[in-house]
């Protein structure tokens, strides 16, 4: 996942990233991505149980919505909006 830090900087979690790169999408996330200066941190939104998978809402934005089919959400929660896009 890539995060825009400012107008000139994007960070790519797959390049020299840490375990946070394995956080998956869910429409009812238990974590959120927070940008602190030049770093992206994953903060818990509630108590996380040992062994529980970590989720954030990807809030993806695509300039070409014809790609939207590739970003279907299959998280399965009752409030699923059906897409990882905003």
C-alpha atoms as a PDB file:
ATOM      1  CA  UNK A   1       0.000   0.000   0.000  1.00  0.00           C
ATOM      2  CA  UNK A   2       1.236   3.469  -0.811  1.00  0.00           C
ATOM      3  CA  UNK A   3       0.511   6.539   1.291  1.00  0.00           C
ATOM      4  CA  UNK A   4       0.738  10.150   0.165  1.00  0.00           C
ATOM      5  CA  UNK A   5       2.619  12.053   2.858  1.00  0.00           C
ATOM      6  CA  UNK A   6       2.551  15.469   1.170  1.00  0.00           C
ATOM      7  CA  UNK A   7       2.428  17.000  -2.313  1.00  0.00           C
ATOM      8  CA  UNK A   8       5.897  15.656  -3.124  1.00  0.00           C
ATOM      9  CA  UNK A   9       6.254  12.457  -1.095  1.00  0.00           C
ATOM     10  CA  UNK A  10       4.688   9.004  -1.377  1.00  0.00           C
ATOM     11  CA  UNK A  11       5.793   6.063   0.749  1.00  0.00           C
ATOM     12  CA  UNK A  12       5.468   2.478  -0.503  1.00  0.00           C
ATOM     13  CA  UNK A  13       5.065  -0.131   2.226  1.00  0.00           C
ATOM     14  CA  UNK A  14       6.431  -2.868  -0.012  1.00  0.00           C
ATOM     15  CA  UNK A  15       9.838  -1.136  -0.188  1.00  0.00           C
ATOM     16  CA  UNK A  16      11.780  -1.431   3.084  1.00  0.00           C
ATOM     17  CA  UNK A  17       8.447  -1.631   4.910  1.00  0.00           C
ATOM     18  CA  UNK A  18       7.768  -3.321   8.215  1.00  0.00           C
ATOM     19  CA  UNK A  19       5.022  -5.713   9.313  1.00  0.00           C
ATOM     20  CA  UNK A  20       2.414  -2.964   8.831  1.00  0.00           C
ATOM     21  CA  UNK A  21       2.476  -3.782   5.115  1.00  0.00           C
ATOM     22  CA  UNK A  22       0.423  -6.893   5.927  1.00  0.00           C
ATOM     23  CA  UNK A  23      -2.550  -4.949   7.335  1.00  0.00           C
ATOM     24  CA  UNK A  24      -5.610  -5.738   5.211  1.00  0.00           C
ATOM     25  CA  UNK A  25      -8.716  -3.763   4.232  1.00  0.00           C
ATOM     26  CA  UNK A  26     -12.077  -3.984   5.984  1.00  0.00           C
ATOM     27  CA  UNK A  27     -15.079  -1.657   5.909  1.00  0.00           C
ATOM     28  CA  UNK A  28     -15.198  -1.961   9.733  1.00  0.00           C
ATOM     29  CA  UNK A  29     -11.488  -1.542  10.556  1.00  0.00           C
ATOM     30  CA  UNK A  30      -9.905  -2.133  13.956  1.00  0.00           C
ATOM     31  CA  UNK A  31      -6.952   0.173  13.118  1.00  0.00           C
ATOM     32  CA  UNK A  32      -6.285   3.366  11.228  1.00  0.00           C
ATOM     33  CA  UNK A  33      -3.290   4.709   9.339  1.00  0.00           C
ATOM     34  CA  UNK A  34      -2.045   8.001  10.766  1.00  0.00           C
ATOM     35  CA  UNK A  35       0.640  10.146   9.151  1.00  0.00           C
ATOM     36  CA  UNK A  36       3.165  11.596  11.619  1.00  0.00           C
ATOM     37  CA  UNK A  37       5.599  13.932   9.847  1.00  0.00           C
ATOM     38  CA  UNK A  38       7.295  11.616   7.331  1.00  0.00           C
ATOM     39  CA  UNK A  39       6.044   8.258   8.609  1.00  0.00           C
ATOM     40  CA  UNK A  40       2.833   6.260   8.507  1.00  0.00           C
ATOM     41  CA  UNK A  41       1.826   4.610  11.774  1.00  0.00           C
ATOM     42  CA  UNK A  42      -0.915   2.066  12.345  1.00  0.00           C
ATOM     43  CA  UNK A  43      -2.970   2.982  15.434  1.00  0.00           C
ATOM     44  CA  UNK A  44      -5.524   0.678  17.036  1.00  0.00           C
ATOM     45  CA  UNK A  45      -9.109   1.959  17.114  1.00  0.00           C
ATOM     46  CA  UNK A  46      -9.976  -0.486  19.915  1.00  0.00           C
ATOM     47  CA  UNK A  47      -8.357  -3.252  21.965  1.00  0.00           C
ATOM     48  CA  UNK A  48      -6.879  -5.879  19.632  1.00  0.00           C
ATOM     49  CA  UNK A  49      -7.021  -9.491  20.794  1.00  0.00           C
ATOM     50  CA  UNK A  50      -3.939 -11.738  20.447  1.00  0.00           C
ATOM     51  CA  UNK A  51      -4.013 -13.431  17.043  1.00  0.00           C
ATOM     52  CA  UNK A  52      -6.682 -11.055  15.677  1.00  0.00           C
ATOM     53  CA  UNK A  53      -6.070  -9.840  12.138  1.00  0.00           C
ATOM     54  CA  UNK A  54      -5.381  -6.126  11.721  1.00  0.00           C
ATOM     55  CA  UNK A  55      -7.546  -4.110   9.329  1.00  0.00           C
ATOM     56  CA  UNK A  56      -7.637  -0.532   8.079  1.00  0.00           C
ATOM     57  CA  UNK A  57     -10.060   1.066   5.627  1.00  0.00           C
ATOM     58  CA  UNK A  58      -7.893   1.558   2.553  1.00  0.00           C
ATOM     59  CA  UNK A  59      -9.974   4.586   1.414  1.00  0.00           C
ATOM     60  CA  UNK A  60      -8.581   4.196  -2.089  1.00  0.00           C
ATOM     61  CA  UNK A  61      -9.016   6.919  -4.667  1.00  0.00           C
ATOM     62  CA  UNK A  62      -8.732   6.156  -8.369  1.00  0.00           C
ATOM     63  CA  UNK A  63      -8.588   8.727 -11.137  1.00  0.00           C
ATOM     64  CA  UNK A  64      -9.924   6.107 -13.568  1.00  0.00           C
ATOM     65  CA  UNK A  65     -13.074   4.532 -12.137  1.00  0.00           C
ATOM     66  CA  UNK A  66     -13.035   1.903 -14.880  1.00  0.00           C
ATOM     67  CA  UNK A  67     -10.542   0.132 -12.591  1.00  0.00           C
ATOM     68  CA  UNK A  68     -13.096  -0.039  -9.766  1.00  0.00           C
ATOM     69  CA  UNK A  69     -13.944  -3.677 -10.532  1.00  0.00           C
ATOM     70  CA  UNK A  70     -10.422  -4.641  -9.458  1.00  0.00           C
ATOM     71  CA  UNK A  71     -11.004  -3.059  -6.035  1.00  0.00           C
ATOM     72  CA  UNK A  72     -14.109  -4.924  -4.884  1.00  0.00           C
ATOM     73  CA  UNK A  73     -14.279  -5.450  -1.142  1.00  0.00           C
ATOM     74  CA  UNK A  74     -15.026  -8.901   0.149  1.00  0.00           C
ATOM     75  CA  UNK A  75     -14.520  -8.256   3.874  1.00  0.00           C
ATOM     76  CA  UNK A  76     -17.903  -9.781   4.696  1.00  0.00           C
ATOM     77  CA  UNK A  77     -18.932  -7.417   7.500  1.00  0.00           C
ATOM     78  CA  UNK A  78     -22.562  -6.343   7.643  1.00  0.00           C
ATOM     79  CA  UNK A  79     -21.682  -2.712   6.801  1.00  0.00           C
ATOM     80  CA  UNK A  80     -19.451  -3.644   3.830  1.00  0.00           C
ATOM     81  CA  UNK A  81     -19.780  -1.014   1.117  1.00  0.00           C
ATOM     82  CA  UNK A  82     -18.612  -3.447  -1.589  1.00  0.00           C
ATOM     83  CA  UNK A  83     -15.488  -1.489  -2.581  1.00  0.00           C
ATOM     84  CA  UNK A  84     -12.148  -0.437  -1.119  1.00  0.00           C
ATOM     85  CA  UNK A  85     -12.665   2.931  -2.832  1.00  0.00           C
ATOM     86  CA  UNK A  86     -13.978   6.020  -1.084  1.00  0.00           C
END
